All heavy atoms as atom14 arrays in JSON, in Angstrom:
{
  "sequence": "YAESKQHLWLQRLSSVVFLGTPHVGAPLEQWGHWAE",
  "atom14_mask": [
    [1, 1, 1, 1, 1, 1, 1, 1, 1, 1, 1, 1, 0, 0],
    [1, 1, 1, 1, 1, 0, 0, 0, 0, 0, 0, 0, 0, 0],
    [1, 1, 1, 1, 1, 1, 1, 1, 1, 0, 0, 0, 0, 0],
    [1, 1, 1, 1, 1, 1, 0, 0, 0, 0, 0, 0, 0, 0],
    [1, 1, 1, 1, 1, 1, 1, 1, 1, 0, 0, 0, 0, 0],
    [1, 1, 1, 1, 1, 1, 1, 1, 1, 0, 0, 0, 0, 0],
    [1, 1, 1, 1, 1, 1, 1, 1, 1, 1, 0, 0, 0, 0],
    [1, 1, 1, 1, 1, 1, 1, 1, 0, 0, 0, 0, 0, 0],
    [1, 1, 1, 1, 1, 1, 1, 1, 1, 1, 1, 1, 1, 1],
    [1, 1, 1, 1, 1, 1, 1, 1, 0, 0, 0, 0, 0, 0],
    [1, 1, 1, 1, 1, 1, 1, 1, 1, 0, 0, 0, 0, 0],
    [1, 1, 1, 1, 1, 1, 1, 1, 1, 1, 1, 0, 0, 0],
    [1, 1, 1, 1, 1, 1, 1, 1, 0, 0, 0, 0, 0, 0],
    [1, 1, 1, 1, 1, 1, 0, 0, 0, 0, 0, 0, 0, 0],
    [1, 1, 1, 1, 1, 1, 0, 0, 0, 0, 0, 0, 0, 0],
    [1, 1, 1, 1, 1, 1, 1, 0, 0, 0, 0, 0, 0, 0],
    [1, 1, 1, 1, 1, 1, 1, 0, 0, 0, 0, 0, 0, 0],
    [1, 1, 1, 1, 1, 1, 1, 1, 1, 1, 1, 0, 0, 0],
    [1, 1, 1, 1, 1, 1, 1, 1, 0, 0, 0, 0, 0, 0],
    [1, 1, 1, 1, 0, 0, 0, 0, 0, 0, 0, 0, 0, 0],
    [1, 1, 1, 1, 1, 1, 1, 0, 0, 0, 0, 0, 0, 0],
    [1, 1, 1, 1, 1, 1, 1, 0, 0, 0, 0, 0, 0, 0],
    [1, 1, 1, 1, 1, 1, 1, 1, 1, 1, 0, 0, 0, 0],
    [1, 1, 1, 1, 1, 1, 1, 0, 0, 0, 0, 0, 0, 0],
    [1, 1, 1, 1, 0, 0, 0, 0, 0, 0, 0, 0, 0, 0],
    [1, 1, 1, 1, 1, 0, 0, 0, 0, 0, 0, 0, 0, 0],
    [1, 1, 1, 1, 1, 1, 1, 0, 0, 0, 0, 0, 0, 0],
    [1, 1, 1, 1, 1, 1, 1, 1, 0, 0, 0, 0, 0, 0],
    [1, 1, 1, 1, 1, 1, 1, 1, 1, 0, 0, 0, 0, 0],
    [1, 1, 1, 1, 1, 1, 1, 1, 1, 0, 0, 0, 0, 0],
    [1, 1, 1, 1, 1, 1, 1, 1, 1, 1, 1, 1, 1, 1],
    [1, 1, 1, 1, 0, 0, 0, 0, 0, 0, 0, 0, 0, 0],
    [1, 1, 1, 1, 1, 1, 1, 1, 1, 1, 0, 0, 0, 0],
    [1, 1, 1, 1, 1, 1, 1, 1, 1, 1, 1, 1, 1, 1],
    [1, 1, 1, 1, 1, 0, 0, 0, 0, 0, 0, 0, 0, 0],
    [1, 1, 1, 1, 1, 1, 1, 1, 1, 0, 0, 0, 0, 0]
  ],
  "atom14_positions": [
    [[61.14, 230.47, 294.65], [60.04, 229.81, 295.35], [60.56, 228.92, 296.48], [59.86, 228.71, 297.49], [59.17, 229.03, 294.37], [58.32, 229.97, 293.54], [58.61, 230.22, 292.2], [57.25, 230.64, 294.12], [57.85, 231.11, 291.46], [56.48, 231.53, 293.38], [56.78, 231.77, 292.05], [56.04, 232.66, 291.34], [0.0, 0.0, 0.0], [0.0, 0.0, 0.0]],
    [[61.79, 228.4, 296.36], [62.38, 227.64, 297.45], [62.59, 228.52, 298.67], [62.36, 228.09, 299.82], [63.7, 227.02, 297.01], [0.0, 0.0, 0.0], [0.0, 0.0, 0.0], [0.0, 0.0, 0.0], [0.0, 0.0, 0.0], [0.0, 0.0, 0.0], [0.0, 0.0, 0.0], [0.0, 0.0, 0.0], [0.0, 0.0, 0.0], [0.0, 0.0, 0.0]],
    [[63.03, 229.77, 298.43], [63.2, 230.71, 299.55], [61.85, 231.02, 300.2], [61.74, 231.05, 301.43], [63.87, 231.99, 299.06], [65.36, 231.86, 298.84], [66.03, 233.2, 298.63], [65.51, 234.01, 297.84], [67.09, 233.44, 299.26], [0.0, 0.0, 0.0], [0.0, 0.0, 0.0], [0.0, 0.0, 0.0], [0.0, 0.0, 0.0], [0.0, 0.0, 0.0]],
    [[60.84, 231.25, 299.38], [59.53, 231.62, 299.93], [58.87, 230.46, 300.67], [58.13, 230.66, 301.63], [58.61, 232.14, 298.82], [58.31, 231.11, 297.9], [0.0, 0.0, 0.0], [0.0, 0.0, 0.0], [0.0, 0.0, 0.0], [0.0, 0.0, 0.0], [0.0, 0.0, 0.0], [0.0, 0.0, 0.0], [0.0, 0.0, 0.0], [0.0, 0.0, 0.0]],
    [[59.15, 229.22, 300.22], [58.57, 228.03, 300.86], [59.51, 227.42, 301.9], [59.17, 226.41, 302.51], [58.23, 226.98, 299.8], [57.18, 227.4, 298.8], [56.97, 226.3, 297.75], [55.96, 226.7, 296.7], [55.78, 225.64, 295.68], [0.0, 0.0, 0.0], [0.0, 0.0, 0.0], [0.0, 0.0, 0.0], [0.0, 0.0, 0.0], [0.0, 0.0, 0.0]],
    [[60.69, 228.02, 302.07], [61.71, 227.52, 303.0], [62.08, 226.06, 302.7], [62.18, 225.22, 303.6], [61.23, 227.67, 304.45], [61.02, 229.13, 304.85], [60.63, 229.29, 306.3], [59.99, 228.43, 306.89], [61.04, 230.39, 306.89], [0.0, 0.0, 0.0], [0.0, 0.0, 0.0], [0.0, 0.0, 0.0], [0.0, 0.0, 0.0], [0.0, 0.0, 0.0]],
    [[62.25, 225.76, 301.42], [62.67, 224.43, 301.03], [64.14, 224.18, 301.41], [65.0, 225.05, 301.23], [62.5, 224.26, 299.51], [61.09, 223.95, 299.11], [60.68, 223.87, 297.8], [59.98, 223.67, 299.84], [59.4, 223.58, 297.73], [58.95, 223.44, 298.97], [0.0, 0.0, 0.0], [0.0, 0.0, 0.0], [0.0, 0.0, 0.0], [0.0, 0.0, 0.0]],
    [[64.4, 222.98, 301.87], [65.73, 222.65, 302.37], [66.75, 222.44, 301.25], [67.96, 222.58, 301.48], [65.66, 221.39, 303.24], [64.85, 221.52, 304.54], [64.81, 220.18, 305.27], [65.46, 222.59, 305.44], [0.0, 0.0, 0.0], [0.0, 0.0, 0.0], [0.0, 0.0, 0.0], [0.0, 0.0, 0.0], [0.0, 0.0, 0.0], [0.0, 0.0, 0.0]],
    [[66.28, 222.1, 300.05], [67.24, 221.81, 298.98], [68.12, 223.03, 298.67], [69.27, 222.88, 298.25], [66.54, 221.31, 297.72], [65.74, 222.34, 296.96], [64.39, 222.53, 297.04], [66.22, 223.28, 296.0], [64.01, 223.55, 296.2], [65.11, 224.02, 295.53], [67.47, 223.58, 295.47], [65.22, 225.03, 294.58], [67.59, 224.59, 294.53], [66.47, 225.3, 294.09]],
    [[67.58, 224.22, 298.87], [68.34, 225.43, 298.56], [69.58, 225.54, 299.46], [70.6, 226.09, 299.04], [67.45, 226.66, 298.7], [68.01, 227.96, 298.14], [68.35, 227.84, 296.66], [67.0, 229.11, 298.34], [0.0, 0.0, 0.0], [0.0, 0.0, 0.0], [0.0, 0.0, 0.0], [0.0, 0.0, 0.0], [0.0, 0.0, 0.0], [0.0, 0.0, 0.0]],
    [[69.48, 224.98, 300.67], [70.64, 224.99, 301.56], [71.74, 224.03, 301.08], [72.91, 224.18, 301.45], [70.21, 224.59, 302.98], [69.19, 225.54, 303.6], [68.69, 225.05, 304.94], [69.34, 224.21, 305.58], [67.55, 225.55, 305.38], [0.0, 0.0, 0.0], [0.0, 0.0, 0.0], [0.0, 0.0, 0.0], [0.0, 0.0, 0.0], [0.0, 0.0, 0.0]],
    [[71.36, 223.07, 300.26], [72.34, 222.11, 299.71], [72.94, 222.61, 298.4], [73.94, 222.06, 297.94], [71.67, 220.75, 299.46], [70.85, 220.23, 300.62], [71.69, 219.62, 301.7], [70.85, 218.93, 302.68], [70.39, 219.47, 303.79], [70.69, 220.73, 304.09], [69.63, 218.78, 304.62], [0.0, 0.0, 0.0], [0.0, 0.0, 0.0], [0.0, 0.0, 0.0]],
    [[72.34, 223.62, 297.81], [72.8, 224.12, 296.51], [74.07, 224.95, 296.69], [74.09, 225.92, 297.44], [71.7, 224.98, 295.86], [72.0, 225.54, 294.47], [72.15, 224.42, 293.44], [70.9, 226.52, 294.04], [0.0, 0.0, 0.0], [0.0, 0.0, 0.0], [0.0, 0.0, 0.0], [0.0, 0.0, 0.0], [0.0, 0.0, 0.0], [0.0, 0.0, 0.0]],
    [[75.12, 224.56, 295.97], [76.39, 225.28, 296.1], [76.71, 226.12, 294.88], [77.29, 227.21, 295.01], [77.54, 224.3, 296.36], [77.67, 223.38, 295.28], [0.0, 0.0, 0.0], [0.0, 0.0, 0.0], [0.0, 0.0, 0.0], [0.0, 0.0, 0.0], [0.0, 0.0, 0.0], [0.0, 0.0, 0.0], [0.0, 0.0, 0.0], [0.0, 0.0, 0.0]],
    [[76.33, 225.64, 293.67], [76.73, 226.35, 292.44], [75.67, 226.2, 291.37], [74.99, 225.17, 291.27], [78.05, 225.78, 291.9], [79.06, 225.76, 292.89], [0.0, 0.0, 0.0], [0.0, 0.0, 0.0], [0.0, 0.0, 0.0], [0.0, 0.0, 0.0], [0.0, 0.0, 0.0], [0.0, 0.0, 0.0], [0.0, 0.0, 0.0], [0.0, 0.0, 0.0]],
    [[75.56, 227.26, 290.54], [74.69, 227.24, 289.36], [75.46, 227.86, 288.2], [76.06, 228.93, 288.35], [73.39, 228.04, 289.59], [72.57, 228.09, 288.29], [72.55, 227.42, 290.71], [0.0, 0.0, 0.0], [0.0, 0.0, 0.0], [0.0, 0.0, 0.0], [0.0, 0.0, 0.0], [0.0, 0.0, 0.0], [0.0, 0.0, 0.0], [0.0, 0.0, 0.0]],
    [[75.47, 227.18, 287.06], [76.09, 227.71, 285.85], [74.99, 227.96, 284.81], [74.25, 227.04, 284.45], [77.13, 226.75, 285.27], [77.77, 227.35, 284.0], [78.22, 226.43, 286.3], [0.0, 0.0, 0.0], [0.0, 0.0, 0.0], [0.0, 0.0, 0.0], [0.0, 0.0, 0.0], [0.0, 0.0, 0.0], [0.0, 0.0, 0.0], [0.0, 0.0, 0.0]],
    [[74.87, 229.21, 284.37], [73.92, 229.58, 283.33], [74.62, 229.55, 281.97], [75.69, 230.13, 281.8], [73.37, 230.99, 283.55], [72.63, 231.19, 284.84], [73.07, 232.11, 285.79], [71.47, 230.48, 285.11], [72.38, 232.31, 286.97], [70.77, 230.67, 286.3], [71.22, 231.6, 287.23], [0.0, 0.0, 0.0], [0.0, 0.0, 0.0], [0.0, 0.0, 0.0]],
    [[73.99, 228.92, 280.99], [74.51, 228.89, 279.62], [73.54, 229.61, 278.7], [72.46, 229.1, 278.4], [74.7, 227.45, 279.13], [75.53, 226.5, 279.99], [75.56, 225.11, 279.36], [76.94, 227.02, 280.16], [0.0, 0.0, 0.0], [0.0, 0.0, 0.0], [0.0, 0.0, 0.0], [0.0, 0.0, 0.0], [0.0, 0.0, 0.0], [0.0, 0.0, 0.0]],
    [[73.88, 230.82, 278.28], [73.02, 231.55, 277.34], [71.61, 231.77, 277.85], [70.65, 231.66, 277.07], [0.0, 0.0, 0.0], [0.0, 0.0, 0.0], [0.0, 0.0, 0.0], [0.0, 0.0, 0.0], [0.0, 0.0, 0.0], [0.0, 0.0, 0.0], [0.0, 0.0, 0.0], [0.0, 0.0, 0.0], [0.0, 0.0, 0.0], [0.0, 0.0, 0.0]],
    [[71.47, 232.11, 279.11], [70.13, 232.35, 279.69], [69.7, 233.79, 279.47], [70.43, 234.72, 279.83], [70.15, 232.04, 281.2], [70.37, 230.64, 281.39], [68.82, 232.43, 281.85], [0.0, 0.0, 0.0], [0.0, 0.0, 0.0], [0.0, 0.0, 0.0], [0.0, 0.0, 0.0], [0.0, 0.0, 0.0], [0.0, 0.0, 0.0], [0.0, 0.0, 0.0]],
    [[68.49, 234.03, 278.91], [68.02, 235.4, 278.66], [67.43, 236.04, 279.92], [66.22, 236.21, 280.03], [66.96, 235.2, 277.57], [66.4, 233.84, 277.85], [67.56, 233.01, 278.37], [0.0, 0.0, 0.0], [0.0, 0.0, 0.0], [0.0, 0.0, 0.0], [0.0, 0.0, 0.0], [0.0, 0.0, 0.0], [0.0, 0.0, 0.0], [0.0, 0.0, 0.0]],
    [[68.29, 236.42, 280.85], [67.84, 236.91, 282.16], [66.97, 238.16, 282.04], [66.07, 238.37, 282.85], [69.04, 237.19, 283.06], [69.8, 235.97, 283.46], [69.29, 235.01, 284.3], [71.04, 235.53, 283.12], [70.17, 234.05, 284.48], [71.25, 234.34, 283.77], [0.0, 0.0, 0.0], [0.0, 0.0, 0.0], [0.0, 0.0, 0.0], [0.0, 0.0, 0.0]],
    [[67.27, 239.02, 281.09], [66.47, 240.24, 280.93], [65.69, 240.23, 279.62], [65.26, 241.26, 279.13], [67.35, 241.51, 281.03], [67.93, 241.64, 282.41], [68.45, 241.53, 279.99], [0.0, 0.0, 0.0], [0.0, 0.0, 0.0], [0.0, 0.0, 0.0], [0.0, 0.0, 0.0], [0.0, 0.0, 0.0], [0.0, 0.0, 0.0], [0.0, 0.0, 0.0]],
    [[65.49, 239.04, 279.06], [64.63, 238.92, 277.89], [65.35, 238.47, 276.64], [66.57, 238.58, 276.52], [0.0, 0.0, 0.0], [0.0, 0.0, 0.0], [0.0, 0.0, 0.0], [0.0, 0.0, 0.0], [0.0, 0.0, 0.0], [0.0, 0.0, 0.0], [0.0, 0.0, 0.0], [0.0, 0.0, 0.0], [0.0, 0.0, 0.0], [0.0, 0.0, 0.0]],
    [[64.54, 237.92, 275.71], [65.06, 237.44, 274.43], [64.52, 238.31, 273.31], [63.3, 238.39, 273.11], [64.64, 235.98, 274.21], [0.0, 0.0, 0.0], [0.0, 0.0, 0.0], [0.0, 0.0, 0.0], [0.0, 0.0, 0.0], [0.0, 0.0, 0.0], [0.0, 0.0, 0.0], [0.0, 0.0, 0.0], [0.0, 0.0, 0.0], [0.0, 0.0, 0.0]],
    [[65.38, 238.98, 272.55], [64.92, 239.87, 271.48], [64.05, 239.19, 270.44], [63.15, 239.82, 269.89], [66.23, 240.36, 270.85], [67.24, 240.24, 271.94], [66.84, 239.03, 272.73], [0.0, 0.0, 0.0], [0.0, 0.0, 0.0], [0.0, 0.0, 0.0], [0.0, 0.0, 0.0], [0.0, 0.0, 0.0], [0.0, 0.0, 0.0], [0.0, 0.0, 0.0]],
    [[64.27, 237.9, 270.18], [63.48, 237.22, 269.16], [62.0, 237.25, 269.51], [61.15, 237.52, 268.66], [63.96, 235.77, 269.0], [63.34, 234.99, 267.83], [63.69, 235.65, 266.5], [63.82, 233.54, 267.85], [0.0, 0.0, 0.0], [0.0, 0.0, 0.0], [0.0, 0.0, 0.0], [0.0, 0.0, 0.0], [0.0, 0.0, 0.0], [0.0, 0.0, 0.0]],
    [[61.66, 236.99, 270.78], [60.26, 237.06, 271.2], [59.77, 238.5, 271.22], [58.62, 238.79, 270.88], [60.09, 236.42, 272.59], [58.77, 236.73, 273.29], [57.52, 236.37, 272.49], [57.6, 235.57, 271.55], [56.44, 236.92, 272.81], [0.0, 0.0, 0.0], [0.0, 0.0, 0.0], [0.0, 0.0, 0.0], [0.0, 0.0, 0.0], [0.0, 0.0, 0.0]],
    [[60.64, 239.45, 271.57], [60.24, 240.86, 271.54], [59.94, 241.31, 270.12], [58.95, 242.0, 269.86], [61.36, 241.7, 272.16], [61.56, 241.44, 273.65], [62.88, 242.0, 274.17], [63.56, 242.74, 273.48], [63.24, 241.62, 275.38], [0.0, 0.0, 0.0], [0.0, 0.0, 0.0], [0.0, 0.0, 0.0], [0.0, 0.0, 0.0], [0.0, 0.0, 0.0]],
    [[60.76, 240.88, 269.16], [60.51, 241.23, 267.75], [59.23, 240.58, 267.26], [58.46, 241.18, 266.51], [61.69, 240.79, 266.89], [62.97, 241.48, 267.21], [63.13, 242.71, 267.81], [64.31, 240.99, 266.99], [64.47, 243.0, 267.99], [65.2, 241.98, 267.5], [64.82, 239.83, 266.44], [66.59, 241.81, 267.43], [66.19, 239.66, 266.38], [67.07, 240.64, 266.87]],
    [[59.0, 239.33, 267.67], [57.77, 238.65, 267.28], [56.55, 239.36, 267.8], [55.52, 239.45, 267.12], [0.0, 0.0, 0.0], [0.0, 0.0, 0.0], [0.0, 0.0, 0.0], [0.0, 0.0, 0.0], [0.0, 0.0, 0.0], [0.0, 0.0, 0.0], [0.0, 0.0, 0.0], [0.0, 0.0, 0.0], [0.0, 0.0, 0.0], [0.0, 0.0, 0.0]],
    [[56.66, 239.91, 269.01], [55.55, 240.65, 269.61], [55.23, 241.9, 268.8], [54.06, 242.2, 268.52], [55.93, 241.02, 271.05], [54.87, 241.76, 271.79], [53.63, 241.23, 272.04], [54.87, 243.0, 272.35], [52.92, 242.12, 272.73], [53.64, 243.19, 272.92], [0.0, 0.0, 0.0], [0.0, 0.0, 0.0], [0.0, 0.0, 0.0], [0.0, 0.0, 0.0]],
    [[56.27, 242.63, 268.37], [56.02, 243.83, 267.57], [55.58, 243.5, 266.16], [54.8, 244.23, 265.55], [57.28, 244.7, 267.56], [57.42, 245.44, 268.86], [58.29, 245.19, 269.87], [56.58, 246.52, 269.32], [58.08, 246.04, 270.93], [57.03, 246.87, 270.63], [55.51, 247.2, 268.78], [56.45, 247.88, 271.37], [54.92, 248.22, 269.53], [55.39, 248.55, 270.81]],
    [[56.05, 242.37, 265.61], [55.58, 241.94, 264.3], [54.08, 241.65, 264.35], [53.33, 242.0, 263.43], [56.35, 240.69, 263.84], [0.0, 0.0, 0.0], [0.0, 0.0, 0.0], [0.0, 0.0, 0.0], [0.0, 0.0, 0.0], [0.0, 0.0, 0.0], [0.0, 0.0, 0.0], [0.0, 0.0, 0.0], [0.0, 0.0, 0.0], [0.0, 0.0, 0.0]],
    [[53.64, 241.05, 265.44], [52.22, 240.79, 265.63], [51.44, 242.1, 265.67], [50.36, 242.23, 265.07], [52.02, 240.02, 266.94], [50.58, 239.82, 267.35], [50.48, 239.4, 268.8], [51.39, 238.72, 269.3], [49.48, 239.76, 269.44], [0.0, 0.0, 0.0], [0.0, 0.0, 0.0], [0.0, 0.0, 0.0], [0.0, 0.0, 0.0], [0.0, 0.0, 0.0]]
  ]
}
């Protein structure tokens, strides 16, 4: 959304570290969906 709104803070951002981020989904919620 910073790119789409042309926010300036994104130009100051140099690094991002992800810790255990479910970028393509979390199986626990997927299993809960099928249990439902």
